């Protein structure tokens, strides 16, 4: 693989800082700290995996690297950062995900994630990242305990990422906040967030060939029509408890030999498929016809069972890749949300809530930092080598932070090289651990 200098940390940091500088300033003129610097400082906090805003603030005045590597002129204090970012519109950050994505396309690295010849798998799922009984803002969702009347406040988002069954890397798109909308008193929901997300998706990527993969909650007629309206293919999970009419029809079709079955054995595992095309989704939407695929993976100790609907006409030629595409849905949880929660990003930590948009802005900026890391993991040889040397993401982030806050460096590339090859201080060579 040839080096992709624009898909390295330093190339991506320059791109992100440039685009932050293009966001319109929402404050009066003659501000002390430009909006671009405030946004980039928050991005740097998440890029460095700081455990809290306080921890980041305690070190901001000691590190010349912060200004040099993240292209900052002024670094706000924690209070200044919260105040400035609280009134930023989350939608203003969305284009940066497209900018990073376009660079992947331009360097033809995205092609590593092509699925079924021409498509990309797009996994969608919702997740929560903030909950409190005390701290809240006007955008918070509210859940009232019916017995005590106690209110629990929370923030959720609809996440979306391009995934591939054979790759650990995921390429996230801008998440859609699940929050109370302006002028609304009722809670927002994942279904409404999905409508907004799909509209934004086609604004940003009008011709991108995508297969949307989701869980059984999304396998309903309105959502399927929404997907079709945006020219999106789909593989959606279904469950007997949620789709009784569909499964009753499948049972009857099997009894009358209208389903097709195929089975093969490989490496001691039996792969068994059953499918039928053009069956009604449910009793009230019999005009919505879908194709049904059932799959069993029979091993020596256990059997796994999955069921999906899709708009692909199923045959023996494509049953296996459709199954693999459907199972890749879990990567939005395993490789995205679990990574953010458990591999150093502190996704569920409250970096600051604010009165307006701060909590949402921080969550989106953290997802942007995660996107930059995933692009490096996919395309940057130096990042890959440093990660391999440290053996885990947590160790990589710890070593990166230690060097960043201890020694002067001109670039993030130099920090990764120091991890790999050692570094020199006043004529003394410090070698890496063997």
Protein backbone atom coordinates (compact mmCIF):
# COMPACT_ATOMS: atom_id res chain seq x y z
CA UNK A 1 0.00 0.00 0.00
CA UNK A 2 1.39 3.41 -0.94
CA UNK A 3 1.42 6.16 1.72
CA UNK A 4 -1.60 8.47 1.76
CA UNK A 5 -0.25 11.73 3.21
CA UNK A 6 -3.67 13.39 3.29
CA UNK A 7 -5.11 10.44 5.24
CA UNK A 8 -2.51 10.66 8.00
CA UNK A 9 -3.21 12.36 11.34
CA UNK A 10 -1.40 15.52 10.25
CA UNK A 11 -3.15 15.71 6.88
CA UNK A 12 -6.55 15.16 8.45
CA UNK A 13 -5.89 17.66 11.25
CA UNK A 14 -5.11 20.33 8.65
CA UNK A 15 -8.30 19.50 6.78
CA UNK A 16 -10.44 19.60 9.94
CA UNK A 17 -8.92 22.90 11.14
CA UNK A 18 -9.45 24.49 7.73
CA UNK A 19 -13.11 23.46 7.64
CA UNK A 20 -13.73 24.59 11.22
CA UNK A 21 -12.48 28.00 10.13
CA UNK A 22 -15.19 28.15 7.47
CA UNK A 23 -18.07 27.84 9.97
CA UNK A 24 -19.82 31.17 10.46
CA UNK A 25 -19.12 32.90 13.75
CA UNK A 26 -22.27 33.17 15.87
CA UNK A 27 -20.85 35.75 18.29
CA UNK A 28 -20.26 39.51 17.92
CA UNK A 29 -17.08 40.67 16.19
CA UNK A 30 -13.74 41.23 17.95
CA UNK A 31 -13.85 37.90 19.78
CA UNK A 32 -10.73 36.88 21.68
CA UNK A 33 -10.85 33.21 20.72
CA UNK A 34 -12.00 32.40 17.18
CA UNK A 35 -14.76 29.80 16.84
CA UNK A 36 -12.44 27.64 14.72
CA UNK A 37 -9.91 27.48 17.56
CA UNK A 38 -12.60 26.58 20.11
CA UNK A 39 -13.91 23.76 17.89
CA UNK A 40 -10.41 22.50 17.10
CA UNK A 41 -9.44 22.58 20.79
CA UNK A 42 -12.44 20.39 21.64
CA UNK A 43 -11.56 18.11 18.72
CA UNK A 44 -7.97 17.89 20.06
CA UNK A 45 -9.31 16.93 23.49
CA UNK A 46 -11.13 13.96 21.96
CA UNK A 47 -8.28 13.17 19.56
CA UNK A 48 -5.89 12.93 22.54
CA UNK A 49 -8.47 10.87 24.50
CA UNK A 50 -8.38 13.22 27.47
CA UNK A 51 -10.46 11.69 30.27
CA UNK A 52 -12.20 14.99 31.05
CA UNK A 53 -12.34 18.64 30.10
CA UNK A 54 -10.64 19.49 33.40
CA UNK A 55 -7.71 17.17 32.61
CA UNK A 56 -7.37 18.79 29.18
CA UNK A 57 -7.58 22.29 30.67
CA UNK A 58 -4.86 21.57 33.26
CA UNK A 59 -2.37 20.80 30.49
CA UNK A 60 -3.38 23.25 27.78
CA UNK A 61 -0.91 26.00 28.80
CA UNK A 62 2.03 23.60 29.17
CA UNK A 63 1.98 22.05 25.74
CA UNK A 64 3.30 23.95 22.74
CA UNK A 65 2.48 20.79 20.81
CA UNK A 66 -1.22 21.60 21.12
CA UNK A 67 -0.89 24.75 19.04
CA UNK A 68 1.65 23.31 16.63
CA UNK A 69 0.12 19.92 15.87
CA UNK A 70 -3.55 20.97 15.96
CA UNK A 71 -2.95 24.34 14.19
CA UNK A 72 -4.25 26.52 17.00
CA UNK A 73 -3.56 30.18 17.71
CA UNK A 74 -5.56 30.43 20.93
CA UNK A 75 -6.63 27.61 23.27
CA UNK A 76 -9.74 28.38 25.35
CA UNK A 77 -10.03 27.56 29.04
CA UNK A 78 -12.62 24.99 30.04
CA UNK A 79 -15.15 27.72 30.87
CA UNK A 80 -14.51 29.56 27.63
CA UNK A 81 -14.83 26.37 25.59
CA UNK A 82 -18.18 25.51 27.16
CA UNK A 83 -19.51 29.03 26.67
CA UNK A 84 -18.43 29.29 23.02
CA UNK A 85 -19.56 25.83 21.92
CA UNK A 86 -22.90 25.84 23.74
CA UNK A 87 -24.43 27.97 20.97
CA UNK A 88 -22.86 26.22 17.99
CA UNK A 89 -25.44 24.57 15.74
CA UNK A 90 -24.67 20.82 15.54
CA UNK A 91 -25.66 20.89 11.86
CA UNK A 92 -22.70 23.20 11.15
CA UNK A 93 -20.28 20.38 12.04
CA UNK A 94 -21.92 17.81 9.76
CA UNK A 95 -20.05 18.86 6.57
CA UNK A 96 -16.70 17.91 8.14
CA UNK A 97 -17.64 14.23 8.03
CA UNK A 98 -18.31 14.63 4.32
CA UNK A 99 -14.95 16.37 3.85
CA UNK A 100 -13.09 13.47 5.51
CA UNK A 101 -15.16 10.97 3.51
CA UNK A 102 -14.41 12.74 0.23
CA UNK A 103 -10.68 12.46 0.95
CA UNK A 104 -11.11 8.69 1.39
CA UNK A 105 -12.87 8.55 -1.96
CA UNK A 106 -10.30 10.75 -3.67
CA UNK A 107 -7.43 8.50 -2.55
CA UNK A 108 -9.46 5.41 -3.59
CA UNK A 109 -9.10 3.91 -0.10
CA UNK A 110 -12.84 3.58 0.33
CA UNK A 111 -12.74 0.85 -2.31
CA UNK A 112 -11.40 -1.51 0.36
CA UNK A 113 -14.92 -1.53 1.81
CA UNK A 114 -16.86 -2.34 -1.36
CA UNK A 115 -19.42 -5.10 -0.79
CA UNK A 116 -21.30 -7.28 -3.29
CA UNK A 117 -19.44 -5.79 -6.23
CA UNK A 118 -20.53 -2.15 -6.09
CA UNK A 119 -22.21 -1.31 -2.78
CA UNK A 120 -21.21 -0.14 0.68
CA UNK A 121 -22.87 -1.49 3.82
CA UNK A 122 -24.29 1.26 6.02
CA UNK A 123 -25.19 0.15 9.53
CA UNK A 124 -27.61 2.31 11.55
CA UNK A 125 -28.41 2.09 15.24
CA UNK A 126 -29.27 4.32 18.17
CA UNK A 127 -27.33 4.69 21.39
CA UNK A 128 -27.43 6.79 24.55
CA UNK A 129 -24.44 8.76 25.85
CA UNK A 130 -25.80 10.89 28.69
CA UNK A 131 -28.25 10.33 31.54
CA UNK A 132 -28.92 12.26 34.73
CA UNK A 133 -31.67 12.96 37.22
CA UNK A 134 -30.35 16.48 37.88
CA UNK A 135 -28.39 17.94 34.94
CA UNK A 136 -30.49 18.75 31.89
CA UNK A 137 -31.14 21.21 29.09
CA UNK A 138 -34.03 22.12 26.80
CA UNK A 139 -32.99 19.41 24.31
CA UNK A 140 -32.94 16.55 26.80
CA UNK A 141 -35.30 13.61 26.42
CA UNK A 142 -37.39 13.06 29.54
CA UNK A 143 -38.54 9.79 31.07
CA UNK A 144 -40.98 10.08 33.97
CA UNK A 145 -41.20 7.33 36.58
CA UNK A 146 -44.92 6.52 36.70
CA UNK A 147 -44.77 5.61 40.39
CA UNK A 148 -42.59 8.40 41.84
CA UNK A 149 -42.90 11.12 39.20
CA UNK A 150 -39.10 11.37 39.13
CA UNK A 151 -37.70 12.59 35.80
CA UNK A 152 -34.61 11.08 34.16
CA UNK A 153 -32.96 13.24 31.51
CA UNK A 154 -30.92 11.81 28.65
CA UNK A 155 -29.31 12.35 25.27
CA UNK A 156 -29.27 9.79 22.46
CA UNK A 157 -28.03 9.75 18.90
CA UNK A 158 -28.59 7.71 15.76
CA UNK A 159 -25.17 6.51 14.65
CA UNK A 160 -24.31 5.39 11.12
CA UNK A 161 -21.13 3.88 9.73
CA UNK A 162 -19.91 2.12 6.63
CA UNK A 163 -18.86 -1.37 7.66
CA UNK A 164 -17.55 -4.53 6.00
CA UNK A 165 -17.74 -8.15 7.20
CA UNK A 166 -13.99 -8.63 6.70
CA UNK A 167 -12.74 -5.34 8.18
CA UNK A 168 -12.48 -3.98 11.72
CA UNK A 169 -12.47 -0.40 10.47
CA UNK A 170 -15.74 1.50 10.26
CA UNK A 171 -16.25 4.88 8.60
CA UNK A 172 -18.82 6.88 10.56
CA UNK A 173 -21.08 9.50 9.06
CA UNK A 174 -22.31 12.48 11.04
CA UNK A 175 -24.65 11.13 13.75
CA UNK A 176 -28.21 12.40 14.01
CA UNK A 177 -29.05 13.70 17.50
CA UNK A 178 -32.18 12.24 19.09
CA UNK A 179 -33.26 15.28 21.08
CA UNK A 180 -36.32 17.42 21.59
CA UNK A 181 -36.74 19.44 18.43
CA UNK A 182 -37.26 23.22 18.45
CA UNK A 183 -40.79 24.08 19.50
CA UNK A 184 -41.65 20.49 20.45
CA UNK A 185 -42.73 19.33 23.88
CA UNK A 186 -42.75 15.60 23.07
CA UNK A 187 -39.63 13.44 23.06
CA UNK A 188 -37.88 12.79 19.79
CA UNK A 189 -37.55 9.16 18.68
CA UNK A 190 -35.22 6.98 16.63
CA UNK A 191 -37.71 6.69 13.77
CA UNK A 192 -37.92 10.47 13.31
CA UNK A 193 -34.15 10.77 13.64
CA UNK A 194 -33.80 8.17 10.88
CA UNK A 195 -35.97 10.26 8.55
CA UNK A 196 -33.78 13.29 9.15
CA UNK A 197 -30.60 11.26 8.80
CA UNK A 198 -31.61 9.72 5.46
CA UNK A 199 -32.49 13.14 4.06
CA UNK A 200 -29.09 14.52 5.15
CA UNK A 201 -27.38 11.41 3.82
CA UNK A 202 -28.68 11.95 0.31
CA UNK A 203 -27.88 15.66 0.47
CA UNK A 204 -24.25 14.84 1.26
CA UNK A 205 -23.86 11.66 -0.82
CA UNK A 206 -26.53 11.69 -3.53
CA UNK A 207 -25.14 8.89 -5.69
CA UNK A 208 -23.37 6.66 -3.17
CA UNK A 209 -24.55 3.03 -3.65
CA UNK A 210 -25.53 1.88 -0.16
CA UNK A 211 -27.13 -1.12 1.49
CA UNK A 212 -28.69 -0.11 4.80
CA UNK A 213 -28.50 -2.79 7.51
CA UNK A 214 -30.61 -2.43 10.66
CA UNK A 215 -32.31 -4.41 13.40
CA UNK A 216 -35.90 -5.67 13.52
CA UNK A 217 -37.31 -2.40 14.88
CA UNK A 218 -36.64 -0.85 11.47
CA UNK A 219 -38.38 -3.60 9.48
CA UNK A 220 -41.65 -1.71 9.05
CA UNK A 221 -43.48 -0.43 5.98
CA UNK A 222 -43.00 3.34 6.55
CA UNK A 223 -39.25 2.96 7.02
CA UNK A 224 -38.89 0.65 4.02
CA UNK A 225 -40.74 3.19 1.87
CA UNK A 226 -38.42 5.88 3.25
CA UNK A 227 -35.36 3.81 2.24
CA UNK A 228 -36.77 3.17 -1.22
CA UNK A 229 -37.59 6.87 -1.62
CA UNK A 230 -33.90 7.67 -1.07
CA UNK A 231 -32.74 4.95 -3.50
CA UNK A 232 -31.25 2.81 -0.73
CA UNK A 233 -31.06 -0.98 -0.76
CA UNK A 234 -31.63 -2.79 2.53
CA UNK A 235 -31.07 -5.91 4.63
CA UNK A 236 -33.17 -5.69 7.80
CA UNK A 237 -33.45 -8.13 10.67
CA UNK A 238 -36.88 -9.58 11.46
CA UNK A 239 -38.17 -11.50 14.49
CA UNK A 240 -41.15 -13.84 14.94
CA UNK A 241 -42.48 -11.82 17.87
CA UNK A 242 -42.45 -8.56 15.91
CA UNK A 243 -43.50 -9.94 12.52
CA UNK A 244 -46.07 -12.65 13.24
CA UNK A 245 -47.91 -12.31 9.91
CA UNK A 246 -44.67 -12.63 7.94
CA UNK A 247 -43.46 -15.69 9.82
CA UNK A 248 -46.86 -17.36 9.58
CA UNK A 249 -46.70 -16.95 5.79
CA UNK A 250 -43.17 -18.33 5.73
CA UNK A 251 -44.29 -21.37 7.71
CA UNK A 252 -47.15 -21.98 5.29
CA UNK A 253 -44.86 -21.47 2.29
CA UNK A 254 -42.40 -24.01 3.68
CA UNK A 255 -45.21 -26.53 4.30
CA UNK A 256 -46.32 -26.21 0.68
CA UNK A 257 -42.74 -26.41 -0.65
CA UNK A 258 -42.68 -22.83 -1.94
CA UNK A 259 -39.43 -21.97 -0.17
CA UNK A 260 -35.97 -22.78 -1.49
CA UNK A 261 -33.36 -24.49 0.69
CA UNK A 262 -29.61 -24.83 0.31
CA UNK A 263 -26.97 -26.26 2.59
CA UNK A 264 -23.24 -26.85 2.53
CA UNK A 265 -20.56 -27.85 5.00
CA UNK A 266 -17.17 -26.16 5.45
CA UNK A 267 -14.53 -26.67 8.14
CA UNK A 268 -16.92 -28.71 10.25
CA UNK A 269 -19.66 -26.05 10.17
CA UNK A 270 -22.97 -26.49 8.38
CA UNK A 271 -24.35 -23.41 6.62
CA UNK A 272 -28.08 -23.82 5.99
CA UNK A 273 -30.22 -21.33 4.07
CA UNK A 274 -33.93 -21.03 3.36
CA UNK A 275 -35.54 -18.23 1.38
CA UNK A 276 -38.57 -17.04 -0.51
CA UNK A 277 -38.99 -13.95 -2.68
CA UNK A 278 -41.90 -11.50 -2.90
CA UNK A 279 -43.89 -12.07 0.26
CA UNK A 280 -46.03 -9.41 2.02
CA UNK A 281 -44.38 -7.72 4.98
CA UNK A 282 -47.47 -7.67 7.18
CA UNK A 283 -51.26 -7.88 7.06
CA UNK A 284 -51.86 -4.14 6.89
CA UNK A 285 -49.17 -3.56 4.22
CA UNK A 286 -49.60 -6.51 1.88
CA UNK A 287 -48.55 -4.33 -1.03
CA UNK A 288 -45.09 -4.01 0.49
CA UNK A 289 -43.38 -7.13 -0.85
CA UNK A 290 -40.03 -8.24 0.56
CA UNK A 291 -37.62 -11.13 0.12
CA UNK A 292 -37.08 -13.34 3.16
CA UNK A 293 -33.83 -15.11 4.10
CA UNK A 294 -33.31 -17.54 6.98
CA UNK A 295 -29.91 -18.87 7.99
CA UNK A 296 -28.58 -21.45 10.43
CA UNK A 297 -24.92 -21.85 11.35
CA UNK A 298 -24.64 -25.32 12.87
CA UNK A 299 -21.43 -25.98 14.78
CA UNK A 300 -20.27 -28.81 17.03
CA UNK A 301 -21.38 -27.06 20.21
CA UNK A 302 -24.04 -24.54 19.24
CA UNK A 303 -26.36 -23.37 16.48
CA UNK A 304 -26.87 -19.75 15.46
CA UNK A 305 -30.08 -18.67 13.74
CA UNK A 306 -30.82 -15.41 11.88
CA UNK A 307 -33.67 -14.04 9.74
CA UNK A 308 -33.76 -11.00 7.44
CA UNK A 309 -35.81 -9.27 4.79
CA UNK A 310 -34.18 -7.57 1.82
CA UNK A 311 -34.99 -5.95 -1.49
CA UNK A 312 -32.40 -8.14 -3.25
CA UNK A 313 -33.95 -11.06 -5.11
CA UNK A 314 -32.42 -14.02 -3.26
CA UNK A 315 -30.78 -16.93 -5.05
CA UNK A 316 -28.11 -19.50 -4.31
CA UNK A 317 -25.60 -17.11 -5.89
CA UNK A 318 -26.16 -14.31 -3.38
CA UNK A 319 -27.67 -15.93 -0.26
CA UNK A 320 -24.26 -16.18 1.41
CA UNK A 321 -23.17 -12.53 0.88
CA UNK A 322 -26.63 -11.27 1.91
CA UNK A 323 -26.27 -13.28 5.12
CA UNK A 324 -22.82 -11.82 5.76
CA UNK A 325 -24.09 -8.33 5.07
CA UNK A 326 -26.96 -8.79 7.52
CA UNK A 327 -24.66 -10.08 10.24
CA UNK A 328 -22.28 -7.13 9.76
CA UNK A 329 -24.95 -4.90 11.34
CA UNK A 330 -23.38 -5.68 14.71
CA UNK A 331 -20.29 -3.69 13.77
CA UNK A 332 -22.09 -0.42 14.53
CA UNK A 333 -22.32 -1.69 18.11
CA UNK A 334 -19.08 -3.69 18.42
CA UNK A 335 -16.65 -1.60 16.40
CA UNK A 336 -18.25 1.81 16.94
CA UNK A 337 -20.20 2.30 20.17
CA UNK A 338 -18.22 -0.26 22.20
CA UNK A 339 -14.94 1.25 20.97
CA UNK A 340 -16.11 4.72 21.99
CA UNK A 341 -17.23 3.46 25.39
CA UNK A 342 -14.42 1.04 26.25
CA UNK A 343 -11.25 1.93 24.31
CA UNK A 344 -10.27 5.30 25.68
CA UNK A 345 -12.75 7.78 24.16
CA UNK A 346 -14.84 8.20 27.36
CA UNK A 347 -18.03 8.36 25.30
CA UNK A 348 -20.39 8.30 28.27
CA UNK A 349 -18.46 10.85 30.34
CA UNK A 350 -20.16 14.23 30.72
CA UNK A 351 -17.56 16.66 29.33
CA UNK A 352 -20.06 19.47 29.78
CA UNK A 353 -23.80 19.77 29.30
CA UNK A 354 -24.56 23.45 28.80
CA UNK A 355 -27.94 25.12 28.39
CA UNK A 356 -28.36 24.68 24.65
CA UNK A 357 -26.21 22.54 22.32
CA UNK A 358 -23.01 21.77 24.24
CA UNK A 359 -23.69 18.11 25.01
CA UNK A 360 -24.63 17.37 21.40
CA UNK A 361 -21.69 19.36 19.98
CA UNK A 362 -19.23 17.47 22.18
CA UNK A 363 -20.72 14.11 21.15
CA UNK A 364 -20.45 14.97 17.45
CA UNK A 365 -16.87 16.22 17.83
CA UNK A 366 -15.94 13.00 19.62
CA UNK A 367 -17.43 11.04 16.72
CA UNK A 368 -15.42 13.18 14.29
CA UNK A 369 -12.20 12.40 16.19
CA UNK A 370 -13.16 8.73 16.06
CA UNK A 371 -13.71 9.02 12.29
CA UNK A 372 -10.23 10.50 11.84
CA UNK A 373 -8.74 7.62 13.86
CA UNK A 374 -10.63 5.05 11.77
CA UNK A 375 -9.38 6.60 8.54
CA UNK A 376 -5.81 6.37 9.84
CA UNK A 377 -6.38 2.77 10.85
CA UNK A 378 -7.57 2.03 7.32
CA UNK A 379 -5.06 4.07 5.33
CA UNK A 380 -2.02 5.27 7.35
CA UNK A 381 0.92 2.84 7.48
CA UNK A 382 2.62 4.74 10.30
CA UNK A 383 -0.48 4.64 12.50
CA UNK A 384 -0.90 0.93 11.77
CA UNK A 385 2.73 0.23 12.72
CA UNK A 386 2.48 2.19 15.99
CA UNK A 387 -0.76 0.41 16.91
CA UNK A 388 0.83 -2.96 16.16
CA UNK A 389 3.85 -2.02 18.28
CA UNK A 390 1.70 -1.07 21.29
CA UNK A 391 -0.69 -4.01 20.75
CA UNK A 392 -3.81 -2.26 21.97
CA UNK A 393 -5.63 1.01 21.36
CA UNK A 394 -5.48 1.95 25.04
CA UNK A 395 -1.70 1.51 25.13
CA UNK A 396 -1.38 3.47 21.89
CA UNK A 397 -3.38 6.40 23.29
CA UNK A 398 -1.48 6.35 26.61
CA UNK A 399 1.91 6.44 24.87
CA UNK A 400 0.73 9.12 22.46
CA UNK A 401 -0.47 11.35 25.31
CA UNK A 402 2.67 10.78 27.38
CA UNK A 403 4.92 11.87 24.53
CA UNK A 404 2.62 14.71 23.47
CA UNK A 405 2.61 16.32 26.91
CA UNK A 406 6.30 15.64 27.71
CA UNK A 407 8.47 16.43 24.68
CA UNK A 408 8.33 18.92 21.80
CA UNK A 409 7.26 17.50 18.44
CA UNK A 410 6.54 19.04 15.07
CA UNK A 411 3.83 16.58 14.02
CA UNK A 412 1.79 13.60 15.12
CA UNK A 413 3.83 11.56 12.64
CA UNK A 414 6.94 12.31 14.72
CA UNK A 415 5.17 11.06 17.84
CA UNK A 416 4.27 7.78 16.13
CA UNK A 417 7.88 7.45 14.90
CA UNK A 418 9.13 8.03 18.46
CA UNK A 419 6.96 5.14 19.61
CA UNK A 420 8.47 2.92 16.93
CA UNK A 421 12.11 3.92 16.80
CA UNK A 422 12.89 5.88 19.97
CA UNK A 423 13.87 9.54 20.27
CA UNK A 424 16.81 11.73 21.28
CA UNK A 425 16.96 14.27 24.13
CA UNK A 426 20.00 16.59 24.34
CA UNK A 427 22.28 14.09 22.72
CA UNK A 428 20.94 11.04 24.59
CA UNK A 429 19.14 8.38 22.63
CA UNK A 430 16.04 6.97 24.31
CA UNK A 431 15.09 3.70 22.67
CA UNK A 432 11.67 2.14 22.78
CA UNK A 433 10.92 -0.82 25.02
CA UNK A 434 11.92 -4.09 23.41
